[in-house]
Amino acid sequence: MKIALLALLGLALGALGGAALGIGAGLAWVEIFKTTSFEGYSGMLVFFTFMPLGAAIGAIAGALLFAFIAIRDAEIAIEREPVRHHDR
C-alpha cells in the first residue's frame, strides 16, 4: 500500500513539476525560434503542446522514481536486523 501511495504522490508532484518545466521549455522555444504571436499562436503552442507533454513526462517519471524509492526502502527494511543492546 505504501508503494502505491508513494507512486500516486510521485505522479502528482511529477505532473506539477513537469508542467512547469514544459512551460519553461515552451517559452524558450517561442523566443529561440521567433514563433509568431498572431492571434495568440505562441501562447496556444506553449499551453496546449509543451505544458501537457511536460506534465505527462513528469508524471510518469515522478511515479516511477517514487515507486522505485519505495520498493528499495521496502527491500532494505526486510533485510534489517534488530539492534541488540548490550547489558551493562
PDB file of N, CA and C in Angstrom:
ATOM      1  N   MET A   1       0.827  -1.189   0.000  1.00  0.00           N
ATOM      2  CA  MET A   1       0.000   0.000   0.000  1.00  0.00           C
ATOM      3  C   MET A   1       0.876   1.260   0.000  1.00  0.00           C
ATOM      4  N   LYS A   2       1.976   1.175   0.761  1.00  0.00           N
ATOM      5  CA  LYS A   2       2.890   2.313   0.831  1.00  0.00           C
ATOM      6  C   LYS A   2       3.468   2.622  -0.543  1.00  0.00           C
ATOM      7  N   ILE A   3       3.792   1.587  -1.301  1.00  0.00           N
ATOM      8  CA  ILE A   3       4.373   1.779  -2.634  1.00  0.00           C
ATOM      9  C   ILE A   3       3.376   2.467  -3.553  1.00  0.00           C
ATOM     10  N   ALA A   4       2.112   2.032  -3.499  1.00  0.00           N
ATOM     11  CA  ALA A   4       1.083   2.626  -4.361  1.00  0.00           C
ATOM     12  C   ALA A   4       0.834   4.090  -3.996  1.00  0.00           C
ATOM     13  N   LEU A   5       0.789   4.386  -2.706  1.00  0.00           N
ATOM     14  CA  LEU A   5       0.558   5.773  -2.291  1.00  0.00           C
ATOM     15  C   LEU A   5       1.728   6.676  -2.666  1.00  0.00           C
ATOM     16  N   LEU A   6       2.928   6.182  -2.504  1.00  0.00           N
ATOM     17  CA  LEU A   6       4.083   6.983  -2.908  1.00  0.00           C
ATOM     18  C   LEU A   6       4.140   7.156  -4.422  1.00  0.00           C
ATOM     19  N   ALA A   7       3.718   6.150  -5.165  1.00  0.00           N
ATOM     20  CA  ALA A   7       3.668   6.282  -6.624  1.00  0.00           C
ATOM     21  C   ALA A   7       2.642   7.337  -7.032  1.00  0.00           C
ATOM     22  N   LEU A   8       1.498   7.375  -6.350  1.00  0.00           N
ATOM     23  CA  LEU A   8       0.493   8.412  -6.645  1.00  0.00           C
ATOM     24  C   LEU A   8       1.004   9.797  -6.275  1.00  0.00           C
ATOM     25  N   LEU A   9       1.712   9.894  -5.168  1.00  0.00           N
ATOM     26  CA  LEU A   9       2.307  11.171  -4.789  1.00  0.00           C
ATOM     27  C   LEU A   9       3.336  11.608  -5.826  1.00  0.00           C
ATOM     28  N   GLY A  10       4.152  10.680  -6.277  1.00  0.00           N
ATOM     29  CA  GLY A  10       5.125  10.979  -7.332  1.00  0.00           C
ATOM     30  C   GLY A  10       4.450  11.380  -8.622  1.00  0.00           C
ATOM     31  N   LEU A  11       3.320  10.750  -8.927  1.00  0.00           N
ATOM     32  CA  LEU A  11       2.557  11.101 -10.124  1.00  0.00           C
ATOM     33  C   LEU A  11       2.088  12.548 -10.062  1.00  0.00           C
ATOM     34  N   ALA A  12       1.528  12.939  -8.927  1.00  0.00           N
ATOM     35  CA  ALA A  12       1.023  14.306  -8.780  1.00  0.00           C
ATOM     36  C   ALA A  12       2.153  15.333  -8.791  1.00  0.00           C
ATOM     37  N   LEU A  13       3.187  15.078  -8.006  1.00  0.00           N
ATOM     38  CA  LEU A  13       4.294  16.034  -7.954  1.00  0.00           C
ATOM     39  C   LEU A  13       5.049  16.092  -9.276  1.00  0.00           C
ATOM     40  N   GLY A  14       5.193  14.954  -9.922  1.00  0.00           N
ATOM     41  CA  GLY A  14       5.849  14.919 -11.221  1.00  0.00           C
ATOM     42  C   GLY A  14       5.070  15.670 -12.281  1.00  0.00           C
ATOM     43  N   ALA A  15       3.740  15.564 -12.224  1.00  0.00           N
ATOM     44  CA  ALA A  15       2.904  16.287 -13.187  1.00  0.00           C
ATOM     45  C   ALA A  15       3.033  17.793 -12.994  1.00  0.00           C
ATOM     46  N   LEU A  16       3.040  18.237 -11.754  1.00  0.00           N
ATOM     47  CA  LEU A  16       3.186  19.672 -11.487  1.00  0.00           C
ATOM     48  C   LEU A  16       4.556  20.186 -11.922  1.00  0.00           C
ATOM     49  N   GLY A  17       5.591  19.464 -11.551  1.00  0.00           N
ATOM     50  CA  GLY A  17       6.936  19.875 -11.935  1.00  0.00           C
ATOM     51  C   GLY A  17       7.153  19.797 -13.433  1.00  0.00           C
ATOM     52  N   GLY A  18       6.637  18.752 -14.052  1.00  0.00           N
ATOM     53  CA  GLY A  18       6.770  18.598 -15.495  1.00  0.00           C
ATOM     54  C   GLY A  18       6.025  19.675 -16.259  1.00  0.00           C
ATOM     55  N   ALA A  19       4.855  20.051 -15.762  1.00  0.00           N
ATOM     56  CA  ALA A  19       4.096  21.127 -16.410  1.00  0.00           C
ATOM     57  C   ALA A  19       4.863  22.448 -16.327  1.00  0.00           C
ATOM     58  N   ALA A  20       5.461  22.705 -15.175  1.00  0.00           N
ATOM     59  CA  ALA A  20       6.251  23.932 -15.026  1.00  0.00           C
ATOM     60  C   ALA A  20       7.455  23.933 -15.961  1.00  0.00           C
ATOM     61  N   LEU A  21       8.131  22.792 -16.039  1.00  0.00           N
ATOM     62  CA  LEU A  21       9.272  22.698 -16.954  1.00  0.00           C
ATOM     63  C   LEU A  21       8.820  22.773 -18.414  1.00  0.00           C
ATOM     64  N   GLY A  22       7.645  22.226 -18.701  1.00  0.00           N
ATOM     65  CA  GLY A  22       7.101  22.310 -20.052  1.00  0.00           C
ATOM     66  C   GLY A  22       6.797  23.741 -20.455  1.00  0.00           C
ATOM     67  N   ILE A  23       6.261  24.517 -19.532  1.00  0.00           N
ATOM     68  CA  ILE A  23       6.003  25.936 -19.817  1.00  0.00           C
ATOM     69  C   ILE A  23       7.317  26.656 -20.076  1.00  0.00           C
ATOM     70  N   GLY A  24       8.312  26.374 -19.251  1.00  0.00           N
ATOM     71  CA  GLY A  24       9.620  26.996 -19.459  1.00  0.00           C
ATOM     72  C   GLY A  24      10.225  26.619 -20.796  1.00  0.00           C
ATOM     73  N   ALA A  25      10.135  25.334 -21.157  1.00  0.00           N
ATOM     74  CA  ALA A  25      10.664  24.895 -22.448  1.00  0.00           C
ATOM     75  C   ALA A  25       9.885  25.527 -23.600  1.00  0.00           C
ATOM     76  N   GLY A  26       8.576  25.648 -23.435  1.00  0.00           N
ATOM     77  CA  GLY A  26       7.760  26.271 -24.477  1.00  0.00           C
ATOM     78  C   GLY A  26       8.087  27.738 -24.669  1.00  0.00           C
ATOM     79  N   LEU A  27       8.281  28.439 -23.571  1.00  0.00           N
ATOM     80  CA  LEU A  27       8.643  29.856 -23.677  1.00  0.00           C
ATOM     81  C   LEU A  27      10.018  30.022 -24.315  1.00  0.00           C
ATOM     82  N   ALA A  28      10.937  29.118 -23.978  1.00  0.00           N
ATOM     83  CA  ALA A  28      12.261  29.163 -24.607  1.00  0.00           C
ATOM     84  C   ALA A  28      12.137  28.887 -26.106  1.00  0.00           C
ATOM     85  N   TRP A  29      11.313  27.917 -26.483  1.00  0.00           N
ATOM     86  CA  TRP A  29      11.093  27.595 -27.898  1.00  0.00           C
ATOM     87  C   TRP A  29      10.570  28.814 -28.658  1.00  0.00           C
ATOM     88  N   VAL A  30       9.580  29.477 -28.063  1.00  0.00           N
ATOM     89  CA  VAL A  30       8.972  30.642 -28.711  1.00  0.00           C
ATOM     90  C   VAL A  30      10.010  31.745 -28.916  1.00  0.00           C
ATOM     91  N   GLU A  31      10.869  31.959 -27.916  1.00  0.00           N
ATOM     92  CA  GLU A  31      11.874  33.005 -28.030  1.00  0.00           C
ATOM     93  C   GLU A  31      12.999  32.634 -29.001  1.00  0.00           C
ATOM     94  N   ILE A  32      13.462  31.400 -28.932  1.00  0.00           N
ATOM     95  CA  ILE A  32      14.580  30.979 -29.778  1.00  0.00           C
ATOM     96  C   ILE A  32      14.178  30.935 -31.247  1.00  0.00           C
ATOM     97  N   PHE A  33      13.009  30.368 -31.547  1.00  0.00           N
ATOM     98  CA  PHE A  33      12.594  30.185 -32.929  1.00  0.00           C
ATOM     99  C   PHE A  33      11.670  31.284 -33.444  1.00  0.00           C
ATOM    100  N   LYS A  34      11.518  32.351 -32.665  1.00  0.00           N
ATOM    101  CA  LYS A  34      10.738  33.535 -33.063  1.00  0.00           C
ATOM    102  C   LYS A  34       9.352  33.154 -33.601  1.00  0.00           C
ATOM    103  N   THR A  35       8.630  32.358 -32.806  1.00  0.00           N
ATOM    104  CA  THR A  35       7.285  31.934 -33.191  1.00  0.00           C
ATOM    105  C   THR A  35       6.359  33.142 -33.220  1.00  0.00           C
ATOM    106  N   THR A  36       5.511  33.203 -34.211  1.00  0.00           N
ATOM    107  CA  THR A  36       4.595  34.330 -34.346  1.00  0.00           C
ATOM    108  C   THR A  36       3.584  34.358 -33.209  1.00  0.00           C
ATOM    109  N   SER A  37       3.178  35.548 -32.830  1.00  0.00           N
ATOM    110  CA  SER A  37       2.171  35.710 -31.789  1.00  0.00           C
ATOM    111  C   SER A  37       0.828  36.129 -32.379  1.00  0.00           C
ATOM    112  N   PHE A  38       0.656  35.947 -33.659  1.00  0.00           N
ATOM    113  CA  PHE A  38      -0.591  36.335 -34.320  1.00  0.00           C
ATOM    114  C   PHE A  38      -1.748  35.535 -33.730  1.00  0.00           C
ATOM    115  N   GLU A  39      -2.741  36.242 -33.218  1.00  0.00           N
ATOM    116  CA  GLU A  39      -3.940  35.684 -32.588  1.00  0.00           C
ATOM    117  C   GLU A  39      -3.607  34.686 -31.479  1.00  0.00           C
ATOM    118  N   GLY A  40      -2.527  34.925 -30.771  1.00  0.00           N
ATOM    119  CA  GLY A  40      -2.169  34.107 -29.613  1.00  0.00           C
ATOM    120  C   GLY A  40      -1.576  32.763 -29.949  1.00  0.00           C
ATOM    121  N   TYR A  41      -1.019  32.627 -31.135  1.00  0.00           N
ATOM    122  CA  TYR A  41      -0.472  31.329 -31.553  1.00  0.00           C
ATOM    123  C   TYR A  41       0.633  30.847 -30.623  1.00  0.00           C
ATOM    124  N   SER A  42       1.538  31.728 -30.246  1.00  0.00           N
ATOM    125  CA  SER A  42       2.652  31.301 -29.397  1.00  0.00           C
ATOM    126  C   SER A  42       2.157  30.856 -28.017  1.00  0.00           C
ATOM    127  N   GLY A  43       1.163  31.540 -27.470  1.00  0.00           N
ATOM    128  CA  GLY A  43       0.602  31.135 -26.179  1.00  0.00           C
ATOM    129  C   GLY A  43      -0.101  29.790 -26.262  1.00  0.00           C
ATOM    130  N   MET A  44      -0.837  29.580 -27.338  1.00  0.00           N
ATOM    131  CA  MET A  44      -1.502  28.286 -27.516  1.00  0.00           C
ATOM    132  C   MET A  44      -0.486  27.171 -27.707  1.00  0.00           C
ATOM    133  N   LEU A  45       0.603  27.460 -28.397  1.00  0.00           N
ATOM    134  CA  LEU A  45       1.656  26.468 -28.586  1.00  0.00           C
ATOM    135  C   LEU A  45       2.234  26.046 -27.248  1.00  0.00           C
ATOM    136  N   VAL A  46       2.509  27.025 -26.393  1.00  0.00           N
ATOM    137  CA  VAL A  46       3.103  26.730 -25.091  1.00  0.00           C
ATOM    138  C   VAL A  46       2.127  25.955 -24.210  1.00  0.00           C
ATOM    139  N   PHE A  47       0.884  26.438 -24.094  1.00  0.00           N
ATOM    140  CA  PHE A  47      -0.037  25.870 -23.111  1.00  0.00           C
ATOM    141  C   PHE A  47      -0.827  24.673 -23.611  1.00  0.00           C
ATOM    142  N   PHE A  48      -0.880  24.446 -24.911  1.00  0.00           N
ATOM    143  CA  PHE A  48      -1.592  23.274 -25.416  1.00  0.00           C
ATOM    144  C   PHE A  48      -0.659  22.206 -25.973  1.00  0.00           C
ATOM    145  N   THR A  49       0.640  22.485 -26.074  1.00  0.00           N
ATOM    146  CA  THR A  49       1.573  21.489 -26.568  1.00  0.00           C
ATOM    147  C   THR A  49       2.654  21.182 -25.532  1.00  0.00           C
ATOM    148  N   PHE A  50       3.404  22.185 -25.149  1.00  0.00           N
ATOM    149  CA  PHE A  50       4.539  21.948 -24.259  1.00  0.00           C
ATOM    150  C   PHE A  50       4.115  21.616 -22.831  1.00  0.00           C
ATOM    151  N   MET A  51       3.110  22.317 -22.305  1.00  0.00           N
ATOM    152  CA  MET A  51       2.699  22.049 -20.930  1.00  0.00           C
ATOM    153  C   MET A  51       2.131  20.638 -20.766  1.00  0.00           C
ATOM    154  N   PRO A  52       1.208  20.162 -21.609  1.00  0.00           N
ATOM    155  CA  PRO A  52       0.726  18.784 -21.436  1.00  0.00           C
ATOM    156  C   PRO A  52       1.808  17.727 -21.637  1.00  0.00           C
ATOM    157  N   LEU A  53       2.706  17.949 -22.607  1.00  0.00           N
ATOM    158  CA  LEU A  53       3.799  16.995 -22.800  1.00  0.00           C
ATOM    159  C   LEU A  53       4.699  16.947 -21.569  1.00  0.00           C
ATOM    160  N   GLY A  54       5.035  18.108 -21.043  1.00  0.00           N
ATOM    161  CA  GLY A  54       5.866  18.151 -19.835  1.00  0.00           C
ATOM    162  C   GLY A  54       5.177  17.508 -18.651  1.00  0.00           C
ATOM    163  N   ALA A  55       3.863  17.739 -18.506  1.00  0.00           N
ATOM    164  CA  ALA A  55       3.121  17.148 -17.393  1.00  0.00           C
ATOM    165  C   ALA A  55       3.069  15.626 -17.517  1.00  0.00           C
ATOM    166  N   ALA A  56       2.863  15.123 -18.723  1.00  0.00           N
ATOM    167  CA  ALA A  56       2.795  13.670 -18.920  1.00  0.00           C
ATOM    168  C   ALA A  56       4.146  13.019 -18.643  1.00  0.00           C
ATOM    169  N   ILE A  57       5.196  13.588 -19.183  1.00  0.00           N
ATOM    170  CA  ILE A  57       6.531  13.028 -18.970  1.00  0.00           C
ATOM    171  C   ILE A  57       6.923  13.124 -17.495  1.00  0.00           C
ATOM    172  N   GLY A  58       6.635  14.259 -16.878  1.00  0.00           N
ATOM    173  CA  GLY A  58       6.948  14.431 -15.460  1.00  0.00           C
ATOM    174  C   GLY A  58       6.155  13.500 -14.565  1.00  0.00           C
ATOM    175  N   ALA A  59       4.887  13.268 -14.893  1.00  0.00           N
ATOM    176  CA  ALA A  59       4.057  12.370 -14.087  1.00  0.00           C
ATOM    177  C   ALA A  59       4.584  10.946 -14.142  1.00  0.00           C
ATOM    178  N   ILE A  60       4.929  10.493 -15.330  1.00  0.00           N
ATOM    179  CA  ILE A  60       5.465   9.135 -15.469  1.00  0.00           C
ATOM    180  C   ILE A  60       6.802   9.010 -14.737  1.00  0.00           C
ATOM    181  N   ALA A  61       7.669   9.985 -14.940  1.00  0.00           N
ATOM    182  CA  ALA A  61       8.980   9.946 -14.288  1.00  0.00           C
ATOM    183  C   ALA A  61       8.851  10.023 -12.765  1.00  0.00           C
ATOM    184  N   GLY A  62       7.979  10.896 -12.273  1.00  0.00           N
ATOM    185  CA  GLY A  62       7.797  11.024 -10.826  1.00  0.00           C
ATOM    186  C   GLY A  62       7.225   9.771 -10.203  1.00  0.00           C
ATOM    187  N   ALA A  63       6.234   9.167 -10.855  1.00  0.00           N
ATOM    188  CA  ALA A  63       5.643   7.934 -10.332  1.00  0.00           C
ATOM    189  C   ALA A  63       6.663   6.810 -10.303  1.00  0.00           C
ATOM    190  N   LEU A  64       7.438   6.676 -11.373  1.00  0.00           N
ATOM    191  CA  LEU A  64       8.455   5.623 -11.406  1.00  0.00           C
ATOM    192  C   LEU A  64       9.535   5.855 -10.359  1.00  0.00           C
ATOM    193  N   LEU A  65       9.963   7.105 -10.221  1.00  0.00           N
ATOM    194  CA  LEU A  65      11.002   7.415  -9.247  1.00  0.00           C
ATOM    195  C   LEU A  65      10.535   7.133  -7.824  1.00  0.00           C
ATOM    196  N   PHE A  66       9.345   7.603  -7.462  1.00  0.00           N
ATOM    197  CA  PHE A  66       8.844   7.400  -6.101  1.00  0.00           C
ATOM    198  C   PHE A  66       8.567   5.923  -5.837  1.00  0.00           C
ATOM    199  N   ALA A  67       8.041   5.201  -6.840  1.00  0.00           N
ATOM    200  CA  ALA A  67       7.795   3.770  -6.664  1.00  0.00           C
ATOM    201  C   ALA A  67       9.112   3.022  -6.496  1.00  0.00           C
ATOM    202  N   PHE A  68      10.118   3.379  -7.276  1.00  0.00           N
ATOM    203  CA  PHE A  68      11.433   2.743  -7.157  1.00  0.00           C
ATOM    204  C   PHE A  68      12.019   2.978  -5.777  1.00  0.00           C
ATOM    205  N   ILE A  69      11.914   4.206  -5.287  1.00  0.00           N
ATOM    206  CA  ILE A  69      12.429   4.515  -3.950  1.00  0.00           C
ATOM    207  C   ILE A  69      11.667   3.730  -2.887  1.00  0.00           C
ATOM    208  N   ALA A  70      10.339   3.632  -3.032  1.00  0.00           N
ATOM    209  CA  ALA A  70       9.535   2.900  -2.049  1.00  0.00           C
ATOM    210  C   ALA A  70       9.859   1.411  -2.077  1.00  0.00           C
ATOM    211  N   ILE A  71      10.065   0.848  -3.267  1.00  0.00           N
ATOM    212  CA  ILE A  71      10.408  -0.569  -3.372  1.00  0.00           C
ATOM    213  C   ILE A  71      11.774  -0.823  -2.749  1.00  0.00           C
ATOM    214  N   ARG A  72      12.737   0.037  -3.038  1.00  0.00           N
ATOM    215  CA  ARG A  72      14.073  -0.121  -2.463  1.00  0.00           C
ATOM    216  C   ARG A  72      14.026  -0.004  -0.939  1.00  0.00           C
ATOM    217  N   ASP A  73      13.193   0.910  -0.425  1.00  0.00           N
ATOM    218  CA  ASP A  73      13.073   1.073   1.021  1.00  0.00           C
ATOM    219  C   ASP A  73      12.450  -0.173   1.643  1.00  0.00           C
ATOM    220  N   ALA A  74      11.474  -0.763   0.964  1.00  0.00           N
ATOM    221  CA  ALA A  74      10.847  -1.973   1.482  1.00  0.00           C
ATOM    222  C   ALA A  74      11.845  -3.130   1.507  1.00  0.00           C
ATOM    223  N   GLU A  75      12.686  -3.228   0.483  1.00  0.00           N
ATOM    224  CA  GLU A  75      13.693  -4.287   0.455  1.00  0.00           C
ATOM    225  C   GLU A  75      14.703  -4.103   1.574  1.00  0.00           C
ATOM    226  N   ILE A  76      15.112  -2.882   1.809  1.00  0.00           N
ATOM    227  CA  ILE A  76      16.095  -2.611   2.850  1.00  0.00           C
ATOM    228  C   ILE A  76      15.492  -2.887   4.226  1.00  0.00           C
ATOM    229  N   ALA A  77      14.205  -2.537   4.410  1.00  0.00           N
ATOM    230  CA  ALA A  77      13.562  -2.736   5.704  1.00  0.00           C
ATOM    231  C   ALA A  77      13.457  -4.220   6.047  1.00  0.00           C
ATOM    232  N   ILE A  78      13.256  -5.076   5.067  1.00  0.00           N
ATOM    233  CA  ILE A  78      13.144  -6.510   5.315  1.00  0.00           C
ATOM    234  C   ILE A  78      14.488  -7.079   5.753  1.00  0.00           C
ATOM    235  N   GLU A  79      15.564  -6.567   5.197  1.00  0.00           N
ATOM    236  CA  GLU A  79      16.885  -7.116   5.460  1.00  0.00           C
ATOM    237  C   GLU A  79      17.510  -6.605   6.754  1.00  0.00           C
ATOM    238  N   ARG A  80      16.913  -5.631   7.384  1.00  0.00           N
ATOM    239  CA  ARG A  80      17.491  -5.083   8.608  1.00  0.00           C
ATOM    240  C   ARG A  80      17.380  -6.078   9.753  1.00  0.00           C
ATOM    241  N   GLU A  81      18.414  -6.103  10.556  1.00  0.00           N
ATOM    242  CA  GLU A  81      18.395  -6.936  11.746  1.00  0.00           C
ATOM    243  C   GLU A  81      18.133  -6.046  12.953  1.00  0.00           C
ATOM    244  N   PRO A  82      17.459  -6.570  13.943  1.00  0.00           N
ATOM    245  CA  PRO A  82      17.183  -5.749  15.129  1.00  0.00           C
ATOM    246  C   PRO A  82      18.472  -5.341  15.830  1.00  0.00           C
ATOM    247  N   VAL A  83      18.462  -4.181  16.398  1.00  0.00           N
ATOM    248  CA  VAL A  83      19.628  -3.674  17.122  1.00  0.00           C
ATOM    249  C   VAL A  83      19.674  -4.366  18.485  1.00  0.00           C
ATOM    250  N   ARG A  84      20.845  -4.894  18.800  1.00  0.00           N
ATOM    251  CA  ARG A  84      20.999  -5.588  20.093  1.00  0.00           C
ATOM    252  C   ARG A  84      21.643  -4.621  21.077  1.00  0.00           C
ATOM    253  N   HIS A  85      21.032  -4.492  22.209  1.00  0.00           N
ATOM    254  CA  HIS A  85      21.545  -3.627  23.258  1.00  0.00           C
ATOM    255  C   HIS A  85      22.446  -4.448  24.189  1.00  0.00           C
ATOM    256  N   HIS A  86      23.557  -3.882  24.536  1.00  0.00           N
ATOM    257  CA  HIS A  86      24.485  -4.555  25.442  1.00  0.00           C
ATOM    258  C   HIS A  86      24.067  -4.300  26.873  1.00  0.00           C
ATOM    259  N   ASP A  87      24.019  -5.345  27.677  1.00  0.00           N
ATOM    260  CA  ASP A  87      23.695  -5.167  29.089  1.00  0.00           C
ATOM    261  C   ASP A  87      24.934  -4.713  29.829  1.00  0.00           C
ATOM    262  N   ARG A  88      24.735  -3.788  30.720  1.00  0.00           N
ATOM    263  CA  ARG A  88      25.872  -3.266  31.473  1.00  0.00           C
ATOM    264  C   ARG A  88      25.950  -3.890  32.825  1.00  0.00           C
TER     265      ARG A  88
END
